[in-house]
C-alpha atoms as a PDB file:
ATOM      1  CA  MET A   1      29.116 -19.530 -17.163  1.00  0.00           C
ATOM      2  CA  GLY A   2      26.301 -21.665 -18.596  1.00  0.00           C
ATOM      3  CA  LEU A   3      23.514 -23.324 -16.654  1.00  0.00           C
ATOM      4  CA  ALA A   4      24.777 -26.726 -17.783  1.00  0.00           C
ATOM      5  CA  LEU A   5      27.569 -26.436 -15.212  1.00  0.00           C
ATOM      6  CA  PHE A   6      25.061 -26.637 -12.327  1.00  0.00           C
ATOM      7  CA  PRO A   7      23.694 -29.989 -11.160  1.00  0.00           C
ATOM      8  CA  ARG A   8      20.020 -30.584 -12.016  1.00  0.00           C
ATOM      9  CA  PRO A   9      18.881 -30.670  -8.358  1.00  0.00           C
ATOM     10  CA  VAL A  10      20.418 -27.234  -7.771  1.00  0.00           C
ATOM     11  CA  LEU A  11      18.712 -25.822 -10.859  1.00  0.00           C
ATOM     12  CA  ALA A  12      15.388 -27.397  -9.873  1.00  0.00           C
ATOM     13  CA  ALA A  13      15.593 -26.038  -6.317  1.00  0.00           C
ATOM     14  CA  THR A  14      16.470 -22.576  -7.611  1.00  0.00           C
ATOM     15  CA  GLN A  15      13.577 -22.680 -10.062  1.00  0.00           C
ATOM     16  CA  ARG A  16      11.149 -23.684  -7.273  1.00  0.00           C
ATOM     17  CA  ARG A  17      12.431 -20.894  -5.016  1.00  0.00           C
ATOM     18  CA  VAL A  18      12.080 -18.282  -7.760  1.00  0.00           C
ATOM     19  CA  THR A  19       8.593 -19.535  -8.624  1.00  0.00           C
ATOM     20  CA  LEU A  20       7.545 -19.420  -4.969  1.00  0.00           C
ATOM     21  CA  GLU A  21       8.927 -15.902  -4.544  1.00  0.00           C
ATOM     22  CA  ALA A  22       7.136 -14.676  -7.664  1.00  0.00           C
ATOM     23  CA  THR A  23       3.872 -16.350  -6.609  1.00  0.00           C
ATOM     24  CA  ALA A  24       4.092 -14.879  -3.110  1.00  0.00           C
ATOM     25  CA  ALA A  25       4.852 -11.431  -4.526  1.00  0.00           C
ATOM     26  CA  PHE A  26       1.873 -11.680  -6.886  1.00  0.00           C
ATOM     27  CA  HIS A  27      -0.532 -12.667  -4.105  1.00  0.00           C
ATOM     28  CA  ASP A  28       0.846  -9.961  -1.823  1.00  0.00           C
ATOM     29  CA  TYR A  29       0.328  -7.403  -4.601  1.00  0.00           C
ATOM     30  CA  GLU A  30      -3.254  -8.571  -5.195  1.00  0.00           C
ATOM     31  CA  ALA A  31      -4.043  -8.368  -1.464  1.00  0.00           C
ATOM     32  CA  HIS A  32      -2.632  -4.847  -1.196  1.00  0.00           C
ATOM     33  CA  LYS A  33      -4.456  -3.811  -4.361  1.00  0.00           C
ATOM     34  CA  SER A  34      -7.727  -5.034  -2.895  1.00  0.00           C
ATOM     35  CA  ALA A  35      -7.055  -3.160   0.347  1.00  0.00           C
ATOM     36  CA  ALA A  36      -6.175   0.055  -1.502  1.00  0.00           C
ATOM     37  CA  ASN A  37      -9.301  -0.216  -3.656  1.00  0.00           C
ATOM     38  CA  ALA A  38     -11.425  -0.384  -0.506  1.00  0.00           C
ATOM     39  CA  TYR A  39     -10.894   3.369  -0.165  1.00  0.00           C
ATOM     40  CA  ARG A  40     -12.905   5.346  -2.697  1.00  0.00           C
ATOM     41  CA  PRO A  41     -10.986   8.278  -4.200  1.00  0.00           C
ATOM     42  CA  ASP A  42     -13.787  10.656  -3.250  1.00  0.00           C
ATOM     43  CA  ALA A  43     -13.727   9.403   0.356  1.00  0.00           C
ATOM     44  CA  GLU A  44     -10.335  11.000   0.933  1.00  0.00           C
ATOM     45  CA  SER A  45     -11.390  14.354  -0.484  1.00  0.00           C
ATOM     46  CA  SER A  46     -14.624  14.135   1.495  1.00  0.00           C
ATOM     47  CA  ALA A  47     -12.689  13.447   4.707  1.00  0.00           C
ATOM     48  CA  ARG A  48     -10.403  16.407   4.031  1.00  0.00           C
ATOM     49  CA  ALA A  49     -13.427  18.649   3.388  1.00  0.00           C
ATOM     50  CA  SER A  50     -15.000  17.392   6.608  1.00  0.00           C
ATOM     51  CA  LEU A  51     -11.825  18.282   8.510  1.00  0.00           C
ATOM     52  CA  ASP A  52     -11.984  21.807   7.061  1.00  0.00           C
ATOM     53  CA  THR A  53     -15.643  22.116   8.042  1.00  0.00           C
ATOM     54  CA  LEU A  54     -14.813  20.795  11.488  1.00  0.00           C
ATOM     55  CA  ALA A  55     -12.112  23.437  11.900  1.00  0.00           C
ATOM     56  CA  SER A  56     -14.558  26.172  10.922  1.00  0.00           C
ATOM     57  CA  GLU A  57     -17.149  24.933  13.414  1.00  0.00           C
ATOM     58  CA  ILE A  58     -14.547  24.830  16.172  1.00  0.00           C
ATOM     59  CA  GLU A  59     -13.463  28.414  15.391  1.00  0.00           C
ATOM     60  CA  ARG A  60     -17.092  29.589  15.482  1.00  0.00           C
ATOM     61  CA  GLY A  61     -17.706  27.693  18.712  1.00  0.00           C
ATOM     62  CA  THR A  62     -20.677  25.776  17.295  1.00  0.00           C
ATOM     63  CA  LEU A  63     -19.238  22.345  18.062  1.00  0.00           C
ATOM     64  CA  PRO A  64     -18.182  21.061  21.487  1.00  0.00           C
ATOM     65  CA  VAL A  65     -14.453  20.352  21.695  1.00  0.00           C
ATOM     66  CA  ARG A  66     -14.993  16.730  22.761  1.00  0.00           C
ATOM     67  CA  ASP A  67     -17.210  16.026  19.733  1.00  0.00           C
ATOM     68  CA  ALA A  68     -14.733  17.766  17.462  1.00  0.00           C
ATOM     69  CA  LEU A  69     -11.821  15.703  18.773  1.00  0.00           C
ATOM     70  CA  LEU A  70     -13.700  12.425  18.364  1.00  0.00           C
ATOM     71  CA  THR A  71     -14.762  13.310  14.832  1.00  0.00           C
ATOM     72  CA  GLN A  72     -11.288  14.540  13.928  1.00  0.00           C
ATOM     73  CA  HIS A  73      -9.719  11.355  15.263  1.00  0.00           C
ATOM     74  CA  ALA A  74     -12.020   9.164  13.153  1.00  0.00           C
ATOM     75  CA  LEU A  75     -11.365  11.201   9.996  1.00  0.00           C
ATOM     76  CA  LEU A  76      -7.591  11.238  10.499  1.00  0.00           C
ATOM     77  CA  HIS A  77      -7.589   7.521  11.219  1.00  0.00           C
ATOM     78  CA  MET A  78      -9.405   6.862   7.935  1.00  0.00           C
ATOM     79  CA  LEU A  79      -6.956   9.049   6.006  1.00  0.00           C
ATOM     80  CA  LEU A  80      -3.999   7.320   7.647  1.00  0.00           C
ATOM     81  CA  ARG A  81      -5.331   3.886   6.705  1.00  0.00           C
ATOM     82  CA  ALA A  82      -5.861   5.031   3.107  1.00  0.00           C
ATOM     83  CA  VAL A  83      -2.264   6.286   2.873  1.00  0.00           C
ATOM     84  CA  GLU A  84      -0.921   3.121   4.496  1.00  0.00           C
ATOM     85  CA  SER A  85      -2.844   0.941   2.049  1.00  0.00           C
ATOM     86  CA  LYS A  86      -1.438   2.893  -0.917  1.00  0.00           C
ATOM     87  CA  HIS A  87       2.057   2.618   0.552  1.00  0.00           C
ATOM     88  CA  GLY A  88       1.639  -1.138   0.937  1.00  0.00           C
ATOM     89  CA  LEU A  89       0.476  -1.393  -2.665  1.00  0.00           C
ATOM     90  CA  CYS A  90       3.540   0.518  -3.881  1.00  0.00           C
ATOM     91  CA  ARG A  91       5.896  -1.711  -1.905  1.00  0.00           C
ATOM     92  CA  ALA A  92       4.131  -4.840  -3.170  1.00  0.00           C
ATOM     93  CA  ALA A  93       4.346  -3.587  -6.765  1.00  0.00           C
ATOM     94  CA  VAL A  94       8.109  -3.099  -6.427  1.00  0.00           C
ATOM     95  CA  ALA A  95       8.508  -6.554  -4.865  1.00  0.00           C
ATOM     96  CA  LEU A  96       6.478  -8.090  -7.699  1.00  0.00           C
ATOM     97  CA  ALA A  97       8.526  -6.292 -10.339  1.00  0.00           C
ATOM     98  CA  LEU A  98      11.764  -7.499  -8.760  1.00  0.00           C
ATOM     99  CA  ALA A  99      10.447 -11.066  -8.405  1.00  0.00           C
ATOM    100  CA  ALA A 100       9.517 -10.987 -12.099  1.00  0.00           C
ATOM    101  CA  GLY A 101      13.063  -9.943 -12.956  1.00  0.00           C
ATOM    102  CA  HIS A 102      12.358  -6.362 -13.945  1.00  0.00           C
ATOM    103  CA  PRO A 103      15.083  -3.897 -12.984  1.00  0.00           C
ATOM    104  CA  LEU A 104      14.222  -0.821 -10.976  1.00  0.00           C
ATOM    105  CA  PRO A 105      14.519   2.502 -12.816  1.00  0.00           C
ATOM    106  CA  GLU A 106      17.847   4.310 -12.627  1.00  0.00           C
ATOM    107  CA  GLY A 107      18.228   6.187  -9.354  1.00  0.00           C
ATOM    108  CA  ALA A 108      15.692   4.065  -7.450  1.00  0.00           C
ATOM    109  CA  PRO A 109      16.757   3.084  -3.937  1.00  0.00           C
END
């Protein structure tokens, strides 16, 4: 079935909708990319190392439990935000690829 069978207003509306979806997907991707780039790669490894050090200090009894819990909470919160920002970037990349008309690889959900 050729596009000539559709009335011009329908084609124009469809084109606008597709353009808007692609533009929104692009801006969403850029926003998530910016958020993900806010976390330095070494910050995650540093936070993990700090958690290991924290565990050692707790085992030795050199750090009060309250201080350890507060520090652990802050470190885990930072790691969670880093993972969530990467997850958002992945989802935005898939949405952008689909909006651009690229098929997902075989076996993708």
